[in-house]
Protein backbone atom coordinates (compact mmCIF):
# COMPACT_ATOMS: atom_id res chain seq x y z
CA MET A 1 -39.51 35.60 -8.88
CA SER A 2 -38.72 32.89 -11.37
CA ALA A 3 -37.94 29.36 -10.18
CA ARG A 4 -34.50 28.06 -11.17
CA GLN A 5 -32.97 24.69 -10.49
CA ILE A 6 -29.43 24.68 -9.24
CA THR A 7 -27.22 21.64 -9.78
CA LEU A 8 -24.33 21.01 -7.47
CA PRO A 9 -21.13 19.30 -8.64
CA PHE A 10 -21.64 15.96 -6.89
CA ARG A 11 -19.51 12.97 -7.74
CA SER A 12 -20.79 10.44 -10.21
CA ARG A 13 -22.74 7.53 -8.79
CA GLN A 14 -20.51 4.97 -10.45
CA ILE A 15 -17.60 3.90 -8.31
CA GLU A 16 -14.36 3.63 -10.22
CA PHE A 17 -11.76 1.47 -8.56
CA GLU A 18 -8.16 2.42 -9.17
CA ALA A 19 -5.46 -0.19 -9.41
CA ASP A 20 -3.41 -0.38 -6.22
CA PRO A 21 0.17 0.66 -7.06
CA ASN A 22 1.45 -1.20 -3.98
CA ALA A 23 -0.22 -4.54 -4.72
CA ASP A 24 3.15 -6.12 -5.48
CA VAL A 25 4.45 -5.73 -1.91
CA ILE A 26 1.28 -6.67 -0.02
CA GLY A 27 1.71 -10.05 1.64
CA ARG A 28 5.51 -10.08 1.40
CA SER A 29 7.54 -10.42 4.59
CA TYR A 30 11.09 -10.39 5.90
CA GLU A 31 12.75 -11.47 9.14
CA GLU A 32 14.30 -8.97 11.51
CA GLY A 33 15.93 -10.62 14.50
CA GLY A 34 13.36 -13.04 15.96
CA ALA A 35 10.33 -11.33 14.43
CA THR A 36 8.74 -11.51 11.00
CA ILE A 37 7.61 -8.20 9.48
CA THR A 38 4.72 -8.54 7.00
CA VAL A 39 3.17 -5.94 4.69
CA VAL A 40 -0.56 -6.04 5.47
CA GLU A 41 -2.25 -3.35 3.35
CA THR A 42 -1.98 0.06 1.74
CA CYS A 43 -2.36 2.98 4.15
CA LEU A 44 -5.84 4.50 3.97
CA ASN A 45 -4.68 8.09 4.39
CA ASP A 46 -1.73 8.02 2.00
CA PRO A 47 -1.58 5.56 -0.93
CA ARG A 48 2.21 6.00 -1.09
CA ARG A 49 2.61 4.25 2.28
CA VAL A 50 1.94 0.67 3.39
CA MET A 51 0.91 -0.81 6.73
CA VAL A 52 3.29 -3.41 8.17
CA GLU A 53 2.76 -5.77 11.11
CA ARG A 54 5.26 -7.46 13.42
CA ASP A 55 4.16 -11.01 14.26
CA LEU A 56 5.97 -11.08 17.60
CA ASP A 57 3.61 -8.64 19.37
CA GLY A 58 1.09 -7.63 16.66
CA HIS A 59 2.35 -4.04 16.50
CA THR A 60 1.42 -2.27 13.25
CA TRP A 61 2.79 0.91 11.70
CA SER A 62 3.04 2.60 8.32
CA MET A 63 6.13 3.18 6.26
CA PRO A 64 6.86 4.38 2.73
CA ALA A 65 6.24 1.77 0.03
CA TRP A 66 9.53 2.64 -1.71
CA LEU A 67 11.41 1.68 1.44
CA MET A 68 9.72 -1.72 1.55
CA ARG A 69 10.57 -2.29 -2.12
CA LEU A 70 14.18 -1.47 -1.27
CA MET A 71 14.14 -4.10 1.49
CA PHE A 72 12.68 -6.73 -0.84
CA LYS A 73 15.01 -5.90 -3.72
CA GLU A 74 16.51 -9.09 -5.03
CA THR A 75 19.99 -8.90 -6.44
CA LYS A 76 20.40 -10.30 -9.92
CA ARG A 77 23.19 -12.81 -10.12
CA LYS A 78 25.32 -13.36 -13.17
CA ARG A 79 24.59 -16.50 -15.13
CA ALA A 80 27.28 -19.06 -15.56
CA ALA A 81 28.50 -19.30 -19.12
């Protein structure tokens, strides 16, 4: 028998950080009734979703990032001439 070395396809040792596509909505908040809803972080399981927290009772849940962007959408007003 001849000895052979087998190499497995392990990941590289260098960690490459990707830019967070939802960084623009993290930290933003809006008021709903008597509570303030704040975007806390990007969801760990799905980078397309964000984690939001209600300050009234501390309840957290995830929701799509596009929906949060829709809530924060600012309407552009016409400039006066």
